[in-house]
N, C-alpha and C. Protein backbone atom coordinates (compact mmCIF):
# COMPACT_ATOMS: atom_id res chain seq x y z
N MET A 1 0.86 -1.03 0.03
CA MET A 1 0.10 0.04 0.14
C MET A 1 0.96 0.93 -0.04
N PRO A 2 0.64 2.39 -0.85
CA PRO A 2 1.23 3.34 -0.53
C PRO A 2 1.27 4.13 0.38
N ASP A 3 2.51 4.90 0.82
CA ASP A 3 2.21 5.53 2.10
C ASP A 3 2.28 6.92 1.59
N TYR A 4 0.71 6.97 1.93
CA TYR A 4 0.51 8.89 1.31
C TYR A 4 0.50 9.66 2.56
N ARG A 5 0.59 10.61 2.00
CA ARG A 5 1.12 11.79 2.72
C ARG A 5 -0.27 13.12 2.93
N ARG A 6 -0.93 13.16 3.87
CA ARG A 6 -2.09 14.09 3.88
C ARG A 6 -1.62 15.31 4.74
N TYR A 7 -2.14 16.61 3.92
CA TYR A 7 -1.99 17.69 4.66
C TYR A 7 -3.40 17.76 5.58
N ARG A 8 -3.04 17.52 6.55
CA ARG A 8 -4.31 17.57 7.72
C ARG A 8 -4.48 19.22 8.13
N VAL A 9 -6.28 19.55 7.99
CA VAL A 9 -6.54 21.07 8.25
C VAL A 9 -7.79 20.71 9.19
N PRO A 10 -7.39 21.56 10.28
CA PRO A 10 -8.94 21.09 11.42
C PRO A 10 -10.50 21.86 10.62
N GLY A 11 -10.96 20.74 10.31
CA GLY A 11 -12.38 21.32 9.74
C GLY A 11 -11.94 21.07 8.11
N GLY A 12 -10.81 20.41 7.51
CA GLY A 12 -10.75 20.64 6.25
C GLY A 12 -11.54 19.05 5.62
N ALA A 13 -11.64 18.97 4.52
CA ALA A 13 -12.80 18.28 3.36
C ALA A 13 -11.49 16.82 3.41
N CYS A 14 -12.56 15.39 3.44
CA CYS A 14 -11.81 14.48 2.79
C CYS A 14 -12.52 13.91 1.70
N PHE A 15 -11.99 13.24 0.83
CA PHE A 15 -12.78 12.59 -0.40
C PHE A 15 -12.54 11.08 0.02
N PHE A 16 -13.69 10.51 -0.51
CA PHE A 16 -12.83 9.27 -0.68
C PHE A 16 -13.89 8.45 -1.50
N THR A 17 -13.43 7.05 -2.10
CA THR A 17 -14.36 6.56 -2.79
C THR A 17 -14.33 5.04 -1.90
N VAL A 18 -15.36 4.22 -2.46
CA VAL A 18 -15.33 2.79 -2.30
C VAL A 18 -16.25 2.06 -3.03
N ASN A 19 -15.25 0.84 -3.12
CA ASN A 19 -15.53 0.19 -4.53
C ASN A 19 -15.84 -1.58 -4.45
N LEU A 20 -17.23 -1.88 -4.79
CA LEU A 20 -17.51 -3.54 -4.51
C LEU A 20 -16.34 -4.32 -5.18
N LEU A 21 -16.03 -5.35 -4.24
CA LEU A 21 -14.83 -6.03 -5.09
C LEU A 21 -15.85 -7.11 -6.19
N LYS A 22 -16.94 -7.14 -6.30
CA LYS A 22 -17.49 -7.80 -7.72
C LYS A 22 -18.28 -6.51 -8.47
N LYS A 23 -17.58 -6.08 -9.29
CA LYS A 23 -17.89 -4.87 -10.25
C LYS A 23 -19.39 -4.86 -10.95
N ARG A 24 -19.74 -6.16 -11.35
CA ARG A 24 -21.11 -6.30 -11.80
C ARG A 24 -22.10 -6.10 -10.92
N LEU A 25 -21.95 -6.22 -9.61
CA LEU A 25 -23.20 -5.97 -9.11
C LEU A 25 -23.97 -4.78 -9.00
N ASP A 26 -24.59 -4.32 -8.60
CA ASP A 26 -25.19 -3.27 -8.23
C ASP A 26 -26.28 -2.83 -6.64
N ILE A 27 -25.90 -3.43 -5.99
CA ILE A 27 -25.97 -3.85 -4.45
C ILE A 27 -26.24 -2.23 -3.96
N LEU A 28 -25.21 -1.30 -4.28
CA LEU A 28 -25.53 -0.03 -3.59
C LEU A 28 -27.06 0.60 -3.94
N VAL A 29 -27.23 0.70 -5.42
CA VAL A 29 -28.36 1.35 -5.95
C VAL A 29 -29.64 0.77 -5.63
N SER A 30 -29.52 -0.92 -5.43
CA SER A 30 -30.71 -1.66 -5.50
C SER A 30 -30.97 -2.03 -3.72
N HIS A 31 -29.99 -1.63 -2.82
CA HIS A 31 -30.30 -1.47 -1.41
C HIS A 31 -29.95 -0.03 -0.98
N ILE A 32 -30.26 0.46 -1.34
CA ILE A 32 -29.85 2.29 -1.26
C ILE A 32 -30.64 2.20 0.36
N ASP A 33 -31.62 1.76 0.53
CA ASP A 33 -32.30 2.38 2.02
C ASP A 33 -31.47 1.65 2.83
N ILE A 34 -30.59 0.45 2.89
CA ILE A 34 -29.88 -0.23 3.91
C ILE A 34 -28.92 1.09 4.19
N LEU A 35 -28.31 0.97 2.97
CA LEU A 35 -27.30 1.99 2.96
C LEU A 35 -27.28 3.47 3.66
N ARG A 36 -28.24 3.87 3.12
CA ARG A 36 -28.78 5.29 4.17
C ARG A 36 -28.96 5.04 5.43
N GLU A 37 -29.64 3.93 5.54
CA GLU A 37 -29.61 3.64 7.36
C GLU A 37 -28.43 3.57 8.12
N ALA A 38 -27.49 2.78 7.43
CA ALA A 38 -26.32 2.69 8.08
C ALA A 38 -25.42 3.84 8.22
N VAL A 39 -25.41 4.81 7.06
CA VAL A 39 -25.08 5.78 7.35
C VAL A 39 -25.68 6.75 8.56
N ARG A 40 -26.90 6.94 8.51
CA ARG A 40 -27.97 7.42 9.24
C ARG A 40 -27.34 6.93 10.75
N THR A 41 -26.90 5.83 11.12
CA THR A 41 -26.82 5.23 12.27
C THR A 41 -25.50 5.51 12.87
N ILE A 42 -24.31 5.72 12.24
CA ILE A 42 -22.87 5.88 12.33
C ILE A 42 -23.01 7.38 12.42
N ARG A 43 -23.74 8.10 11.91
CA ARG A 43 -23.89 9.76 12.25
C ARG A 43 -24.42 9.63 13.27
N TRP A 44 -25.31 9.24 13.93
CA TRP A 44 -25.97 9.50 15.19
C TRP A 44 -24.73 9.21 16.33
N ASP A 45 -24.36 8.36 16.33
CA ASP A 45 -23.08 7.63 17.41
C ASP A 45 -22.07 8.73 16.87
N ARG A 46 -21.55 9.19 15.52
CA ARG A 46 -20.15 9.79 15.58
C ARG A 46 -20.35 11.08 14.38
N PRO A 47 -21.05 12.33 14.81
CA PRO A 47 -21.52 13.21 13.78
C PRO A 47 -20.32 13.64 12.78
N PHE A 48 -20.87 13.57 11.35
CA PHE A 48 -19.52 14.28 10.47
C PHE A 48 -20.68 14.77 9.47
N PRO A 49 -20.19 15.78 8.60
CA PRO A 49 -20.81 15.99 7.70
C PRO A 49 -20.67 15.67 6.27
N ILE A 50 -21.45 15.35 5.63
CA ILE A 50 -21.43 14.83 4.03
C ILE A 50 -21.61 16.21 3.13
N ASP A 51 -20.91 16.55 2.73
CA ASP A 51 -20.90 17.84 1.73
C ASP A 51 -21.15 17.41 0.42
N ALA A 52 -21.25 16.14 -0.14
CA ALA A 52 -21.30 15.68 -1.42
C ALA A 52 -21.18 14.13 -1.05
N TRP A 53 -21.91 13.25 -2.18
CA TRP A 53 -22.29 12.04 -1.89
C TRP A 53 -22.91 11.74 -3.39
N VAL A 54 -21.77 10.55 -4.15
CA VAL A 54 -22.83 9.73 -5.41
C VAL A 54 -22.33 8.62 -5.07
N VAL A 55 -23.86 7.72 -5.40
CA VAL A 55 -23.76 6.45 -4.79
C VAL A 55 -24.10 5.85 -6.19
N LEU A 56 -23.09 5.13 -6.89
CA LEU A 56 -23.27 4.24 -8.59
C LEU A 56 -23.74 2.74 -8.03
N PRO A 57 -24.01 2.00 -9.16
CA PRO A 57 -24.62 1.02 -8.90
C PRO A 57 -22.93 0.15 -8.13
N ASP A 58 -21.87 0.21 -8.76
CA ASP A 58 -20.56 -0.56 -8.04
C ASP A 58 -19.69 0.11 -7.15
N HIS A 59 -19.93 1.48 -6.98
CA HIS A 59 -18.80 2.26 -6.20
C HIS A 59 -19.69 3.53 -5.78
N LEU A 60 -19.43 4.48 -4.43
CA LEU A 60 -19.34 5.32 -4.16
C LEU A 60 -18.35 6.29 -3.78
N HIS A 61 -18.55 7.86 -3.96
CA HIS A 61 -17.82 8.88 -3.94
C HIS A 61 -18.20 9.55 -2.83
N CYS A 62 -17.66 10.28 -1.83
CA CYS A 62 -18.10 10.98 -0.89
C CYS A 62 -17.11 12.02 -0.45
N ILE A 63 -17.66 13.46 -0.15
CA ILE A 63 -16.83 14.37 0.44
C ILE A 63 -17.31 15.14 1.92
């Protein structure tokens, strides 16, 4: 795994992508209600902002 160096700024934004292992599945959009509930549950316990979020069939991007 690469040794990335990140410039950390208090209150700064973070961008990440999540990919499914099996690219041909559409689990993220076919079960979007479960994904939303999972995010809602985590944010209740550990609050964080979501500035932008794109959910595609086999991956998602979030800022």
